[in-house]
Amino acid sequence: MSFTIAFYVHHHGSGHLMRTMQIVNALKGYQVILMGSGLNKIKQLPPHVSLVHLPLDIPEENEKVIESPLPPAGLHYAPLGIQGSRDRVGIMTDVFRSHYPLILVVDVSVEVALLARLAGIPTIIIRQHGKRNDLAHQLAYDSAELLIAPFAKSMYIGEEDHLFKKTFFAGGFSKFDQTKNDQETDPKMICILVGKGGTSINPELLQHIAKSCPSYHFNVMGLTNRETHNLKNLQFHGEVNDPAPLIGQAMLMMGNTGHNTVMEMASLNKRFIGIPEARPFEEQLEKAKSIEGRSGILIIHPHQLYHTNWADVFEKISSEEPDWKDVIHAAALSNVANAIINTGKKFF
């Protein structure tokens, strides 16, 4: 029996959607539905994919939120009285009903995973790094048919419990997997990636680093500096459609330790300074721990940024060859696609 594959895509940052679109492109033999509140970011939609736009589950400007004296321990976010929440649930359950038989891949939401299970829909949850031993995660993970970790088993941190045994470690992948990095690097060029999920990498910090290292040139992607500065070795590029040339020239990359950034650096085999930001469940901190100690990779925490001798750091890391062994798996995307398809075939 044929079945539809639906995805719930969390709207925070850009990582969930970016990862989902790569997986979707490996599922061309199936009808795919994407549900989420940030799907307007998609520029090109594959012909086998349709979109279901969900309203945000946050209060409107004049909407009254009902305060709950005892928030449920088994849910992360379930405010009372929000019209958007009611509308989202109605839209999703309509999808479950009208497109059945269907399986749902959740990236990520405890509440959506549990809603689907209550509607009798088999679920697969994308498992991320971080401390996820709270009750809500345990309930969602337990309700799922499969957990898929888009990274190598060697990067796992935690107990090897029943949920570990339920997890399929697909290996890492990124949008740069097919990019040939054959450019000659400039030993004095450093490229900084600034994501959309909140960061300590701001213009003030970058000016501080550039001033302390006048012999290096810094290219900043993802950030526009609205304040004037007179530093000739610091350039802000804003959003860059094709970052490969700038990255290819760089001796060293700097960025936060979000999942996609780490995987992209591994795909391109770049030296990397990772700055783990505060995220729910310490996701970036745990991701940083999973790569810490490798040659050509250095983790610097936000509280250390203004107390680091950057010239010494750059000189030391430039002498090391980057070690990203086993982080990227050439068959990772096909592994994920096959795991999703095989899970669906168990039921339909």
Protein backbone atom coordinates (compact mmCIF):
# COMPACT_ATOMS: atom_id res chain seq x y z
CA MET A 1 0.00 0.00 0.00
CA SER A 2 1.29 3.46 -0.86
CA PHE A 3 1.49 6.06 1.88
CA THR A 4 2.22 9.75 2.29
CA ILE A 5 5.21 11.05 4.23
CA ALA A 6 4.52 14.20 6.23
CA PHE A 7 7.06 16.34 8.06
CA TYR A 8 6.53 18.78 10.88
CA VAL A 9 9.26 21.45 10.65
CA HIS A 10 10.00 23.70 13.62
CA HIS A 11 10.29 27.36 12.66
CA HIS A 12 13.10 28.44 15.03
CA GLY A 13 16.26 29.36 13.15
CA SER A 14 16.88 27.84 9.71
CA GLY A 15 18.41 24.48 10.62
CA HIS A 16 15.27 22.35 10.87
CA LEU A 17 13.99 23.43 7.46
CA MET A 18 17.38 23.11 5.81
CA ARG A 19 17.76 19.55 7.11
CA THR A 20 14.22 18.62 6.11
CA MET A 21 14.63 19.88 2.53
CA GLN A 22 17.71 17.72 2.07
CA ILE A 23 15.84 14.65 3.32
CA VAL A 24 12.79 15.46 1.18
CA ASN A 25 14.94 15.53 -1.96
CA ALA A 26 15.92 11.92 -1.22
CA LEU A 27 12.23 10.86 -1.08
CA LYS A 28 11.27 11.59 -4.68
CA GLY A 29 9.22 8.42 -5.09
CA TYR A 30 6.72 9.53 -2.44
CA GLN A 31 4.19 12.28 -1.94
CA VAL A 32 5.53 14.54 0.81
CA ILE A 33 3.72 17.14 2.91
CA LEU A 34 5.58 19.76 4.93
CA MET A 35 3.77 21.36 7.87
CA GLY A 36 5.17 24.34 9.72
CA SER A 37 5.05 28.05 10.50
CA GLY A 38 8.22 29.06 8.65
CA LEU A 39 7.74 27.42 5.26
CA ASN A 40 7.64 30.73 3.38
CA LYS A 41 11.45 30.57 3.49
CA ILE A 42 11.39 27.83 0.85
CA LYS A 43 12.53 29.25 -2.50
CA GLN A 44 12.14 26.17 -4.72
CA LEU A 45 9.60 23.46 -3.99
CA PRO A 46 10.16 20.00 -5.47
CA PRO A 47 7.16 18.76 -7.51
CA HIS A 48 6.43 15.87 -5.13
CA VAL A 49 6.13 18.20 -2.12
CA SER A 50 3.16 20.25 -0.90
CA LEU A 51 3.03 22.76 1.94
CA VAL A 52 0.64 23.19 4.84
CA HIS A 53 1.19 26.54 6.54
CA LEU A 54 0.46 26.53 10.27
CA PRO A 55 -0.34 29.63 12.34
CA LEU A 56 2.04 30.42 15.17
CA ASP A 57 1.06 29.14 18.60
CA ILE A 58 1.72 32.46 20.30
CA PRO A 59 -0.86 35.02 21.49
CA GLU A 60 -2.10 37.70 19.14
CA GLU A 61 -1.55 41.31 20.20
CA ASN A 62 -4.82 41.63 22.16
CA GLU A 63 -5.30 37.97 23.01
CA LYS A 64 -5.59 36.99 26.65
CA VAL A 65 -3.45 34.08 27.80
CA ILE A 66 -4.91 31.88 30.53
CA GLU A 67 -2.29 31.39 33.21
CA SER A 68 -1.85 27.82 34.40
CA PRO A 69 -0.72 27.44 38.04
CA LEU A 70 0.71 24.00 37.32
CA PRO A 71 2.29 23.73 33.85
CA PRO A 72 2.30 20.09 32.72
CA ALA A 73 5.64 18.33 33.11
CA GLY A 74 4.89 16.12 30.13
CA LEU A 75 4.70 19.01 27.64
CA HIS A 76 7.25 21.68 26.73
CA TYR A 77 4.92 24.31 25.33
CA ALA A 78 1.14 24.15 25.61
CA PRO A 79 -0.24 27.56 26.63
CA LEU A 80 -3.93 27.82 27.43
CA GLY A 81 -6.41 29.91 25.48
CA ILE A 82 -4.35 30.56 22.32
CA GLN A 83 -6.36 30.68 19.09
CA GLY A 84 -3.26 29.80 17.07
CA SER A 85 -2.81 26.59 19.06
CA ARG A 86 -6.39 25.50 18.41
CA ASP A 87 -6.07 26.30 14.72
CA ARG A 88 -2.76 24.44 14.39
CA VAL A 89 -4.13 21.30 15.98
CA GLY A 90 -7.21 21.43 13.75
CA ILE A 91 -5.14 21.83 10.59
CA MET A 92 -2.74 19.03 11.49
CA THR A 93 -5.45 16.55 12.44
CA ASP A 94 -7.22 17.37 9.16
CA VAL A 95 -4.00 16.44 7.36
CA PHE A 96 -3.77 13.20 9.33
CA ARG A 97 -7.35 12.34 8.43
CA SER A 98 -7.44 13.38 4.78
CA HIS A 99 -4.04 12.01 3.73
CA TYR A 100 -4.10 8.69 5.57
CA PRO A 101 -2.28 6.30 5.21
CA LEU A 102 0.49 8.58 6.39
CA ILE A 103 3.55 8.64 8.61
CA LEU A 104 4.90 11.77 10.28
CA VAL A 105 8.54 12.80 10.68
CA VAL A 106 8.86 15.36 13.49
CA ASP A 107 11.74 17.88 13.46
CA VAL A 108 11.04 18.78 16.23
CA SER A 109 8.17 19.08 18.70
CA VAL A 110 7.16 16.91 21.61
CA GLU A 111 3.58 18.14 21.38
CA VAL A 112 3.21 17.42 17.65
CA ALA A 113 4.70 13.95 18.07
CA LEU A 114 2.22 13.12 20.83
CA LEU A 115 -0.70 14.64 18.90
CA ALA A 116 0.08 12.44 15.91
CA ARG A 117 0.32 9.35 18.05
CA LEU A 118 -3.04 10.15 19.67
CA ALA A 119 -4.45 10.40 16.13
CA GLY A 120 -3.09 6.94 15.34
CA ILE A 121 -0.28 8.16 13.08
CA PRO A 122 3.11 6.38 13.20
CA THR A 123 5.84 8.87 14.00
CA ILE A 124 9.57 9.24 13.52
CA ILE A 125 11.40 11.87 15.58
CA ILE A 126 14.64 13.54 14.58
CA ARG A 127 16.91 13.14 17.59
CA GLN A 128 19.19 16.07 18.35
CA HIS A 129 22.08 16.52 20.72
CA GLY A 130 21.31 17.87 24.17
CA LYS A 131 20.12 16.71 27.56
CA ARG A 132 16.70 15.31 26.68
CA ASN A 133 15.97 13.09 29.66
CA ASP A 134 13.02 15.24 30.82
CA LEU A 135 9.56 13.69 31.01
CA ALA A 136 8.25 15.39 27.86
CA HIS A 137 11.07 14.11 25.69
CA GLN A 138 10.83 10.66 27.23
CA LEU A 139 7.09 10.47 26.46
CA ALA A 140 7.56 11.63 22.87
CA TYR A 141 10.55 9.38 22.21
CA ASP A 142 8.74 6.43 23.73
CA SER A 143 5.68 7.06 21.54
CA ALA A 144 7.70 7.14 18.31
CA GLU A 145 8.33 4.16 16.08
CA LEU A 146 11.88 5.30 15.38
CA LEU A 147 14.35 8.00 16.37
CA ILE A 148 16.72 9.21 13.67
CA ALA A 149 19.97 10.91 14.70
CA PRO A 150 21.50 12.82 11.75
CA PHE A 151 25.00 12.26 13.08
CA ALA A 152 27.43 9.42 13.71
CA LYS A 153 27.02 7.05 16.63
CA SER A 154 30.53 8.06 17.76
CA MET A 155 29.17 11.59 18.42
CA TYR A 156 26.47 10.36 20.78
CA ILE A 157 26.70 11.57 24.39
CA GLY A 158 24.60 9.89 27.05
CA GLU A 159 23.43 6.55 28.35
CA GLU A 160 23.03 3.64 25.99
CA ASP A 161 19.50 2.92 27.20
CA HIS A 162 16.36 1.64 25.46
CA LEU A 163 16.02 4.92 23.55
CA PHE A 164 19.60 4.63 22.34
CA LYS A 165 18.71 1.19 20.98
CA LYS A 166 15.66 2.75 19.30
CA THR A 167 17.84 5.34 17.55
CA PHE A 168 19.10 4.99 14.00
CA PHE A 169 22.39 6.87 13.62
CA ALA A 170 22.34 7.86 9.97
CA GLY A 171 25.64 9.73 9.89
CA GLY A 172 26.16 13.39 9.13
CA PHE A 173 25.29 15.33 5.99
CA SER A 174 25.15 18.95 4.86
CA LYS A 175 24.35 21.10 1.85
CA PHE A 176 28.07 21.15 1.02
CA ASP A 177 28.49 17.39 0.70
CA GLN A 178 28.89 17.63 -3.09
CA THR A 179 30.95 20.83 -3.04
CA LYS A 180 34.51 20.45 -4.25
CA ASN A 181 36.78 22.59 -2.14
CA ASP A 182 39.70 22.98 -4.54
CA GLN A 183 40.40 26.67 -3.94
CA GLU A 184 43.75 27.74 -2.61
CA THR A 185 43.30 28.99 0.93
CA ASP A 186 44.61 32.31 2.15
CA PRO A 187 46.52 31.70 5.41
CA LYS A 188 45.41 35.09 6.69
CA MET A 189 41.73 34.89 5.79
CA ILE A 190 39.12 33.95 8.39
CA CYS A 191 35.43 33.53 7.61
CA ILE A 192 32.73 33.94 10.25
CA LEU A 193 29.26 32.40 9.91
CA VAL A 194 26.43 34.07 11.83
CA GLY A 195 23.20 32.10 12.10
CA LYS A 196 19.63 33.18 12.78
CA GLY A 197 18.95 31.50 16.10
CA GLY A 198 20.68 34.03 18.37
CA THR A 199 24.41 34.43 18.84
CA SER A 200 27.25 36.01 20.80
CA ILE A 201 28.96 36.79 17.50
CA ASN A 202 28.03 40.44 17.11
CA PRO A 203 29.70 43.48 15.48
CA GLU A 204 31.29 44.57 18.76
CA LEU A 205 33.00 41.22 19.22
CA LEU A 206 34.15 41.08 15.61
CA GLN A 207 35.62 44.57 15.80
CA HIS A 208 37.39 43.57 19.01
CA ILE A 209 38.93 40.51 17.32
CA ALA A 210 39.83 42.38 14.12
CA LYS A 211 41.55 45.16 16.07
CA SER A 212 43.62 42.64 18.01
CA CYS A 213 44.66 40.76 14.84
CA PRO A 214 45.47 43.39 12.18
CA SER A 215 47.37 40.92 9.99
CA TYR A 216 44.25 38.79 9.41
CA HIS A 217 41.28 39.59 7.19
CA PHE A 218 37.78 38.72 8.42
CA ASN A 219 34.79 38.04 6.16
CA VAL A 220 31.47 37.93 8.00
CA MET A 221 28.47 36.17 6.44
CA GLY A 222 24.92 36.35 7.73
CA LEU A 223 25.35 39.67 9.51
CA THR A 224 25.14 43.27 8.34
CA ASN A 225 26.87 45.93 10.40
CA ARG A 226 24.77 49.09 10.55
CA GLU A 227 27.46 50.99 12.40
CA THR A 228 30.47 52.47 10.64
CA HIS A 229 33.94 51.29 11.52
CA ASN A 230 37.36 52.09 10.11
CA LEU A 231 38.77 48.57 10.14
CA LYS A 232 40.06 47.62 6.70
CA ASN A 233 40.43 43.98 7.72
CA LEU A 234 36.76 43.44 8.64
CA GLN A 235 34.07 43.08 6.00
CA PHE A 236 30.37 42.34 6.56
CA HIS A 237 28.68 40.58 3.64
CA GLY A 238 25.17 40.07 5.05
CA GLU A 239 23.21 37.21 3.50
CA VAL A 240 25.33 35.46 0.86
CA ASN A 241 23.60 33.37 -1.80
CA ASP A 242 26.74 31.43 -2.69
CA PRO A 243 29.07 31.28 0.31
CA ALA A 244 31.37 28.62 -1.19
CA PRO A 245 33.99 31.02 -2.66
CA LEU A 246 34.47 32.90 0.61
CA ILE A 247 34.54 29.69 2.63
CA GLY A 248 36.92 28.05 0.17
CA GLN A 249 39.49 30.83 0.54
CA ALA A 250 39.37 30.84 4.32
CA MET A 251 42.12 29.25 6.36
CA LEU A 252 39.73 29.05 9.30
CA MET A 253 35.99 29.22 9.96
CA MET A 254 34.26 30.57 13.04
CA GLY A 255 30.64 30.06 14.02
CA ASN A 256 28.24 28.64 16.55
CA THR A 257 27.95 24.92 17.16
CA GLY A 258 24.49 24.44 15.74
CA HIS A 259 23.99 21.13 13.97
CA ASN A 260 24.09 22.39 10.39
CA THR A 261 27.11 24.63 10.90
CA VAL A 262 29.11 21.76 12.38
CA MET A 263 28.13 19.41 9.56
CA GLU A 264 28.96 22.02 6.92
CA MET A 265 32.43 22.52 8.36
CA ALA A 266 32.94 18.76 8.36
CA SER A 267 31.78 18.46 4.74
CA LEU A 268 34.26 21.15 3.68
CA ASN A 269 37.02 19.85 5.98
CA LYS A 270 37.67 23.30 7.44
CA ARG A 271 39.50 24.33 10.57
CA PHE A 272 36.82 25.52 12.95
CA ILE A 273 36.41 27.63 16.06
CA GLY A 274 33.03 26.76 17.53
CA ILE A 275 31.15 28.95 19.98
CA PRO A 276 28.31 27.06 21.71
CA GLU A 277 25.33 29.30 22.44
CA ALA A 278 22.69 28.87 25.11
CA ARG A 279 19.94 26.71 23.63
CA PRO A 280 17.15 24.62 25.16
CA PHE A 281 18.47 21.36 26.61
CA GLU A 282 22.08 22.53 26.08
CA GLU A 283 21.98 21.36 22.48
CA GLN A 284 24.89 23.43 21.18
CA LEU A 285 26.97 22.75 24.26
CA GLU A 286 26.60 19.00 23.78
CA LYS A 287 27.28 19.30 20.06
CA ALA A 288 30.47 21.16 20.93
CA LYS A 289 31.49 18.40 23.33
CA SER A 290 30.96 15.82 20.61
CA ILE A 291 33.68 17.39 18.42
CA GLU A 292 35.93 18.91 21.09
CA GLY A 293 39.55 17.78 21.24
CA ARG A 294 39.94 17.06 17.54
CA SER A 295 42.84 18.53 15.62
CA GLY A 296 42.03 21.83 13.94
CA ILE A 297 38.86 22.30 16.00
CA LEU A 298 38.65 24.58 19.03
CA ILE A 299 35.70 25.32 21.28
CA ILE A 300 35.54 28.77 22.87
CA HIS A 301 32.64 29.55 25.19
CA PRO A 302 30.82 32.92 25.13
CA HIS A 303 32.22 34.02 28.49
CA GLN A 304 35.76 33.51 27.13
CA LEU A 305 35.38 35.63 23.99
CA TYR A 306 36.83 38.85 25.38
CA HIS A 307 39.48 37.02 27.41
CA THR A 308 41.05 35.07 24.55
CA ASN A 309 44.37 35.88 22.90
CA TRP A 310 43.02 35.61 19.38
CA ALA A 311 46.34 36.06 17.62
CA ASP A 312 47.78 33.09 19.53
CA VAL A 313 44.65 31.02 18.86
CA PHE A 314 44.78 31.69 15.11
CA GLU A 315 48.49 30.92 14.91
CA LYS A 316 48.10 27.63 16.79
CA ILE A 317 45.05 26.35 14.92
CA SER A 318 46.55 27.27 11.54
CA SER A 319 49.33 24.75 12.18
CA GLU A 320 46.84 21.89 12.69
CA GLU A 321 45.11 19.79 10.06
CA PRO A 322 41.35 19.51 10.67
CA ASP A 323 40.12 16.11 11.85
CA TRP A 324 36.49 15.49 10.89
CA LYS A 325 36.89 11.74 10.56
CA ASP A 326 33.56 9.84 10.53
CA VAL A 327 31.44 12.97 11.06
CA ILE A 328 30.07 12.94 7.50
CA HIS A 329 28.65 9.76 5.95
CA ALA A 330 28.43 9.66 2.15
CA ALA A 331 25.20 7.64 2.30
CA ALA A 332 23.59 9.53 5.19
CA LEU A 333 20.68 11.00 3.23
CA SER A 334 19.82 7.72 1.54
CA ASN A 335 20.11 6.06 4.95
CA VAL A 336 17.56 8.51 6.39
CA ALA A 337 15.23 8.13 3.41
CA ASN A 338 15.37 4.34 3.60
CA ALA A 339 14.73 4.37 7.34
CA ILE A 340 11.63 6.53 6.82
CA ILE A 341 10.34 4.41 3.94
CA ASN A 342 10.96 1.12 5.74
CA THR A 343 9.14 2.40 8.81
CA GLY A 344 6.15 3.28 6.67
CA LYS A 345 6.20 -0.12 4.98
CA LYS A 346 5.93 -1.80 8.37
CA PHE A 347 2.43 -0.38 8.70
CA PHE A 348 1.09 0.12 5.18
